[in-house]
């Protein structure tokens, strides 16, 4: 039950069915593979593999190393969205202190100051 008295329906509930939920687990191998591929794409986007005397080629109107980097960044964005789609987020879990609503703290400190004098 939340503070409002309304029962929260979390993503881990089985929608009235018995057994295990069909949602992916946090440490799924597909998600780990996607994150690993993202790391490889970031490494490949840096033109460290090019020789100094290699002639400049144009690809899509850009220098080839720039085009490769832009393509890698586009693929990273797509793979990152797929990895997040495979991540289960528990909306009913309490927020960490860094994400709490700071207005609650401000109101509490204002009440404490009023009570002091």
N, C-alpha and C. Protein backbone atom coordinates (compact mmCIF):
# COMPACT_ATOMS: atom_id res chain seq x y z
N UNK A 1 0.83 -1.18 0.00
CA UNK A 1 0.00 0.00 0.00
C UNK A 1 0.88 1.24 0.00
N UNK A 2 0.51 2.19 -0.80
CA UNK A 2 1.21 3.47 -0.82
C UNK A 2 0.65 4.35 0.28
N UNK A 3 1.26 5.50 0.46
CA UNK A 3 0.79 6.44 1.47
C UNK A 3 -0.65 6.88 1.21
N UNK A 4 -1.05 6.87 -0.04
CA UNK A 4 -2.40 7.32 -0.37
C UNK A 4 -3.45 6.26 -0.08
N UNK A 5 -3.02 5.03 0.25
CA UNK A 5 -3.96 3.95 0.53
C UNK A 5 -4.36 3.18 -0.71
N UNK A 6 -3.79 3.53 -1.86
CA UNK A 6 -4.12 2.84 -3.10
C UNK A 6 -3.09 1.75 -3.32
N UNK A 7 -3.55 0.56 -3.64
CA UNK A 7 -2.63 -0.53 -3.87
C UNK A 7 -1.89 -0.31 -5.19
N UNK A 8 -0.63 -0.54 -5.18
CA UNK A 8 0.18 -0.34 -6.37
C UNK A 8 0.30 -1.64 -7.14
N UNK A 9 0.15 -1.57 -8.43
CA UNK A 9 0.28 -2.74 -9.28
C UNK A 9 1.65 -2.68 -9.93
N UNK A 10 2.53 -3.58 -9.54
CA UNK A 10 3.90 -3.53 -10.05
C UNK A 10 4.05 -4.41 -11.27
N UNK A 11 5.15 -4.19 -11.98
CA UNK A 11 5.42 -4.95 -13.19
C UNK A 11 5.78 -6.40 -12.89
N UNK A 12 6.07 -6.71 -11.64
CA UNK A 12 6.45 -8.08 -11.31
C UNK A 12 5.24 -8.95 -10.98
N UNK A 13 4.08 -8.38 -10.90
CA UNK A 13 2.89 -9.19 -10.65
C UNK A 13 2.55 -9.95 -11.92
N UNK A 14 1.89 -11.07 -11.77
CA UNK A 14 1.69 -11.96 -12.92
C UNK A 14 0.34 -11.76 -13.59
N UNK A 15 -0.29 -10.61 -13.41
CA UNK A 15 -1.55 -10.29 -14.08
C UNK A 15 -2.62 -11.36 -13.80
N UNK A 16 -2.66 -11.83 -12.58
CA UNK A 16 -3.70 -12.78 -12.20
C UNK A 16 -3.37 -14.22 -12.57
N UNK A 17 -2.30 -14.45 -13.27
CA UNK A 17 -1.92 -15.81 -13.66
C UNK A 17 -0.94 -16.36 -12.66
N UNK A 18 -1.00 -17.65 -12.48
CA UNK A 18 -0.03 -18.29 -11.60
C UNK A 18 1.24 -18.55 -12.37
N UNK A 19 2.33 -18.59 -11.64
CA UNK A 19 3.60 -18.90 -12.29
C UNK A 19 4.46 -17.67 -12.46
N UNK A 20 5.48 -17.85 -13.21
CA UNK A 20 6.49 -16.82 -13.38
C UNK A 20 6.07 -15.78 -14.42
N UNK A 21 6.44 -14.55 -14.18
CA UNK A 21 6.15 -13.47 -15.11
C UNK A 21 6.95 -13.68 -16.39
N UNK A 22 6.44 -13.20 -17.50
CA UNK A 22 7.09 -13.35 -18.80
C UNK A 22 8.11 -12.26 -19.07
N UNK A 23 8.29 -11.31 -18.15
CA UNK A 23 9.20 -10.20 -18.39
C UNK A 23 10.65 -10.66 -18.22
N UNK A 24 11.58 -10.04 -18.96
CA UNK A 24 12.99 -10.43 -18.86
C UNK A 24 13.57 -10.04 -17.50
N UNK A 25 14.57 -10.77 -17.08
CA UNK A 25 15.23 -10.46 -15.83
C UNK A 25 16.28 -9.39 -16.06
N UNK A 26 16.71 -8.76 -14.98
CA UNK A 26 17.67 -7.67 -15.07
C UNK A 26 19.00 -8.12 -15.66
N UNK A 27 19.46 -9.30 -15.37
CA UNK A 27 20.74 -9.76 -15.85
C UNK A 27 20.63 -10.69 -17.04
N UNK A 28 19.70 -10.43 -17.96
CA UNK A 28 19.50 -11.32 -19.09
C UNK A 28 20.73 -11.31 -20.01
N UNK A 29 21.05 -12.47 -20.60
CA UNK A 29 22.22 -12.55 -21.48
C UNK A 29 22.10 -11.64 -22.71
N UNK A 30 20.89 -11.47 -23.23
CA UNK A 30 20.71 -10.59 -24.39
C UNK A 30 21.07 -9.15 -24.04
N UNK A 31 20.61 -8.69 -22.88
CA UNK A 31 20.92 -7.32 -22.44
C UNK A 31 22.41 -7.15 -22.25
N UNK A 32 23.06 -8.13 -21.63
CA UNK A 32 24.51 -8.06 -21.42
C UNK A 32 25.24 -8.04 -22.77
N UNK A 33 24.76 -8.83 -23.72
CA UNK A 33 25.37 -8.84 -25.05
C UNK A 33 25.20 -7.51 -25.76
N UNK A 34 24.02 -6.89 -25.62
CA UNK A 34 23.79 -5.59 -26.23
C UNK A 34 24.73 -4.54 -25.64
N UNK A 35 24.89 -4.56 -24.31
CA UNK A 35 25.78 -3.59 -23.68
C UNK A 35 27.24 -3.83 -24.08
N UNK A 36 27.62 -5.09 -24.25
CA UNK A 36 28.97 -5.40 -24.72
C UNK A 36 29.20 -4.91 -26.14
N UNK A 37 28.19 -5.09 -26.99
CA UNK A 37 28.28 -4.61 -28.37
C UNK A 37 28.37 -3.09 -28.43
N UNK A 38 27.66 -2.42 -27.52
CA UNK A 38 27.75 -0.97 -27.44
C UNK A 38 29.18 -0.54 -27.12
N UNK A 39 29.81 -1.23 -26.18
CA UNK A 39 31.20 -0.90 -25.83
C UNK A 39 32.13 -1.09 -27.03
N UNK A 40 31.92 -2.17 -27.79
CA UNK A 40 32.74 -2.42 -28.97
C UNK A 40 32.53 -1.32 -30.02
N UNK A 41 31.29 -0.90 -30.21
CA UNK A 41 31.02 0.17 -31.17
C UNK A 41 31.68 1.48 -30.76
N UNK A 42 31.67 1.78 -29.47
CA UNK A 42 32.35 3.00 -29.01
C UNK A 42 33.85 2.91 -29.29
N UNK A 43 34.44 1.75 -29.08
CA UNK A 43 35.87 1.59 -29.37
C UNK A 43 36.15 1.71 -30.87
N UNK A 44 35.26 1.15 -31.69
CA UNK A 44 35.44 1.18 -33.14
C UNK A 44 35.24 2.58 -33.70
N UNK A 45 34.45 3.41 -33.00
CA UNK A 45 34.17 4.76 -33.52
C UNK A 45 35.39 5.67 -33.43
N UNK A 46 36.35 5.34 -32.61
CA UNK A 46 37.57 6.14 -32.51
C UNK A 46 38.52 5.69 -33.62
N UNK A 47 39.02 6.60 -34.44
CA UNK A 47 39.84 6.19 -35.60
C UNK A 47 41.28 5.83 -35.25
N UNK A 48 41.50 5.11 -34.19
CA UNK A 48 42.86 4.71 -33.81
C UNK A 48 43.42 3.67 -34.78
N UNK A 49 42.57 3.00 -35.52
CA UNK A 49 42.99 1.92 -36.42
C UNK A 49 43.50 2.46 -37.76
N UNK A 50 43.35 3.74 -38.01
CA UNK A 50 43.77 4.32 -39.29
C UNK A 50 45.26 4.63 -39.29
N UNK A 51 45.90 4.42 -40.41
CA UNK A 51 47.31 4.78 -40.57
C UNK A 51 47.42 6.27 -40.87
N UNK A 52 48.51 6.85 -40.48
CA UNK A 52 48.73 8.29 -40.70
C UNK A 52 48.79 8.65 -42.19
N UNK A 53 49.34 7.77 -42.98
CA UNK A 53 49.51 8.07 -44.41
C UNK A 53 48.37 7.52 -45.27
N UNK A 54 47.30 7.07 -44.64
CA UNK A 54 46.16 6.53 -45.39
C UNK A 54 45.43 7.67 -46.11
N UNK A 55 45.13 7.50 -47.40
CA UNK A 55 44.46 8.58 -48.14
C UNK A 55 43.03 8.79 -47.63
N UNK A 56 42.59 10.03 -47.75
CA UNK A 56 41.25 10.39 -47.30
C UNK A 56 40.22 9.92 -48.32
N UNK A 57 39.20 9.22 -47.86
CA UNK A 57 38.09 8.78 -48.72
C UNK A 57 36.81 9.41 -48.19
N UNK A 58 35.91 9.74 -49.11
CA UNK A 58 34.62 10.30 -48.71
C UNK A 58 33.56 9.20 -48.70
N UNK A 59 32.77 9.21 -47.65
CA UNK A 59 31.66 8.27 -47.50
C UNK A 59 30.46 9.08 -47.04
N UNK A 60 29.39 9.10 -47.83
CA UNK A 60 28.20 9.92 -47.55
C UNK A 60 28.57 11.40 -47.44
N UNK A 61 29.57 11.84 -48.18
CA UNK A 61 29.97 13.24 -48.18
C UNK A 61 30.83 13.62 -46.98
N UNK A 62 31.21 12.67 -46.17
CA UNK A 62 32.04 12.93 -44.99
C UNK A 62 33.35 12.15 -45.11
N UNK A 63 34.38 12.60 -44.41
CA UNK A 63 35.57 11.76 -44.36
C UNK A 63 35.19 10.37 -43.81
N UNK A 64 35.83 9.34 -44.32
CA UNK A 64 35.41 7.98 -43.97
C UNK A 64 35.42 7.73 -42.46
N UNK A 65 36.39 8.26 -41.73
CA UNK A 65 36.45 8.02 -40.29
C UNK A 65 35.31 8.72 -39.56
N UNK A 66 34.86 9.86 -40.07
CA UNK A 66 33.72 10.57 -39.47
C UNK A 66 32.43 9.80 -39.76
N UNK A 67 32.27 9.31 -40.98
CA UNK A 67 31.08 8.53 -41.33
C UNK A 67 31.00 7.26 -40.49
N UNK A 68 32.12 6.59 -40.28
CA UNK A 68 32.13 5.39 -39.44
C UNK A 68 31.72 5.74 -38.02
N UNK A 69 32.23 6.84 -37.48
CA UNK A 69 31.88 7.25 -36.12
C UNK A 69 30.38 7.57 -36.01
N UNK A 70 29.84 8.29 -36.99
CA UNK A 70 28.41 8.64 -36.95
C UNK A 70 27.54 7.39 -37.04
N UNK A 71 27.92 6.45 -37.90
CA UNK A 71 27.17 5.19 -38.01
C UNK A 71 27.24 4.42 -36.70
N UNK A 72 28.42 4.38 -36.08
CA UNK A 72 28.57 3.68 -34.79
C UNK A 72 27.68 4.32 -33.72
N UNK A 73 27.65 5.65 -33.68
CA UNK A 73 26.83 6.33 -32.68
C UNK A 73 25.34 6.08 -32.92
N UNK A 74 24.92 6.01 -34.17
CA UNK A 74 23.53 5.67 -34.47
C UNK A 74 23.19 4.26 -34.02
N UNK A 75 24.09 3.32 -34.28
CA UNK A 75 23.87 1.95 -33.83
C UNK A 75 23.87 1.84 -32.31
N UNK A 76 24.72 2.63 -31.65
CA UNK A 76 24.73 2.66 -30.19
C UNK A 76 23.38 3.12 -29.66
N UNK A 77 22.80 4.14 -30.27
CA UNK A 77 21.50 4.64 -29.83
C UNK A 77 20.42 3.56 -29.98
N UNK A 78 20.44 2.85 -31.08
CA UNK A 78 19.45 1.79 -31.31
C UNK A 78 19.64 0.65 -30.31
N UNK A 79 20.89 0.20 -30.14
CA UNK A 79 21.16 -0.91 -29.22
C UNK A 79 20.88 -0.52 -27.77
N UNK A 80 21.15 0.75 -27.43
CA UNK A 80 20.86 1.22 -26.09
C UNK A 80 19.36 1.20 -25.82
N UNK A 81 18.56 1.59 -26.79
CA UNK A 81 17.11 1.55 -26.59
C UNK A 81 16.62 0.11 -26.46
N UNK A 82 17.22 -0.81 -27.21
CA UNK A 82 16.85 -2.23 -27.07
C UNK A 82 17.26 -2.77 -25.70
N UNK A 83 18.43 -2.37 -25.20
CA UNK A 83 18.87 -2.81 -23.88
C UNK A 83 17.95 -2.29 -22.79
N UNK A 84 17.51 -1.04 -22.91
CA UNK A 84 16.59 -0.48 -21.91
C UNK A 84 15.22 -1.15 -22.01
N UNK A 85 14.83 -1.56 -23.21
CA UNK A 85 13.55 -2.26 -23.35
C UNK A 85 13.61 -3.62 -22.66
N UNK A 86 14.80 -4.18 -22.51
CA UNK A 86 14.99 -5.47 -21.84
C UNK A 86 15.20 -5.32 -20.34
N UNK A 87 15.15 -4.09 -19.82
CA UNK A 87 15.40 -3.83 -18.40
C UNK A 87 14.08 -3.70 -17.67
N UNK A 88 13.92 -4.48 -16.61
CA UNK A 88 12.72 -4.39 -15.79
C UNK A 88 12.93 -3.29 -14.76
N UNK A 89 12.00 -2.35 -14.72
CA UNK A 89 12.06 -1.25 -13.77
C UNK A 89 10.88 -1.41 -12.82
N UNK A 90 11.16 -1.52 -11.53
CA UNK A 90 10.12 -1.67 -10.53
C UNK A 90 9.65 -0.28 -10.11
N UNK A 91 8.50 0.12 -10.60
CA UNK A 91 7.98 1.46 -10.31
C UNK A 91 7.57 1.63 -8.86
N UNK A 92 7.34 0.52 -8.14
CA UNK A 92 6.91 0.60 -6.76
C UNK A 92 8.08 0.68 -5.79
N UNK A 93 9.30 0.49 -6.28
CA UNK A 93 10.47 0.54 -5.40
C UNK A 93 10.69 1.96 -4.91
N UNK A 94 11.19 2.11 -3.68
CA UNK A 94 11.45 3.47 -3.18
C UNK A 94 12.59 4.12 -3.95
N UNK A 95 12.48 5.42 -4.11
CA UNK A 95 13.51 6.16 -4.83
C UNK A 95 14.76 6.31 -3.98
N UNK A 96 15.93 6.28 -4.60
CA UNK A 96 17.14 6.57 -3.83
C UNK A 96 17.13 8.01 -3.36
N UNK A 97 17.94 8.33 -2.37
CA UNK A 97 17.96 9.68 -1.81
C UNK A 97 18.25 10.74 -2.86
N UNK A 98 19.04 10.41 -3.87
CA UNK A 98 19.39 11.40 -4.88
C UNK A 98 18.22 11.76 -5.78
N UNK A 99 17.17 10.94 -5.82
CA UNK A 99 16.03 11.20 -6.69
C UNK A 99 14.77 11.60 -5.93
N UNK A 100 14.87 11.70 -4.62
CA UNK A 100 13.71 12.07 -3.84
C UNK A 100 13.28 13.49 -4.15
N UNK A 101 12.03 13.78 -3.93
CA UNK A 101 11.50 15.12 -4.15
C UNK A 101 12.08 16.07 -3.11
N UNK A 102 12.82 17.04 -3.54
CA UNK A 102 13.48 17.97 -2.62
C UNK A 102 12.47 18.93 -1.98
N UNK A 103 11.28 19.06 -2.53
CA UNK A 103 10.30 19.96 -1.94
C UNK A 103 9.84 19.43 -0.59
N UNK A 104 9.82 18.09 -0.40
CA UNK A 104 9.46 17.53 0.90
C UNK A 104 10.48 17.96 1.95
N UNK A 105 11.77 17.95 1.58
CA UNK A 105 12.82 18.37 2.51
C UNK A 105 12.70 19.86 2.82
N UNK A 106 12.39 20.66 1.81
CA UNK A 106 12.28 22.10 2.01
C UNK A 106 11.10 22.43 2.94
N UNK A 107 9.99 21.73 2.75
CA UNK A 107 8.83 21.96 3.61
C UNK A 107 9.13 21.55 5.04
N UNK A 108 9.82 20.44 5.23
CA UNK A 108 10.14 19.96 6.57
C UNK A 108 11.08 20.93 7.27
N UNK A 109 12.07 21.47 6.55
CA UNK A 109 12.99 22.41 7.18
C UNK A 109 12.31 23.74 7.47
N UNK A 110 11.35 24.15 6.63
CA UNK A 110 10.60 25.39 6.90
C UNK A 110 9.73 25.23 8.15
N UNK A 111 9.11 24.06 8.30
CA UNK A 111 8.30 23.81 9.52
C UNK A 111 9.19 23.79 10.76
N UNK A 112 10.40 23.24 10.64
CA UNK A 112 11.30 23.18 11.78
C UNK A 112 11.75 24.59 12.18
N UNK A 113 12.00 25.46 11.19
CA UNK A 113 12.39 26.83 11.49
C UNK A 113 11.26 27.60 12.16
N UNK A 114 10.01 27.37 11.69
CA UNK A 114 8.85 28.05 12.30
C UNK A 114 8.66 27.60 13.74
N UNK A 115 8.90 26.33 14.00
CA UNK A 115 8.72 25.81 15.34
C UNK A 115 9.80 26.34 16.29
N UNK A 116 10.98 26.64 15.77
CA UNK A 116 12.07 27.14 16.60
C UNK A 116 11.90 28.61 16.95
N UNK A 117 11.22 29.31 16.15
CA UNK A 117 11.10 30.71 16.54
C UNK A 117 10.75 31.56 15.44
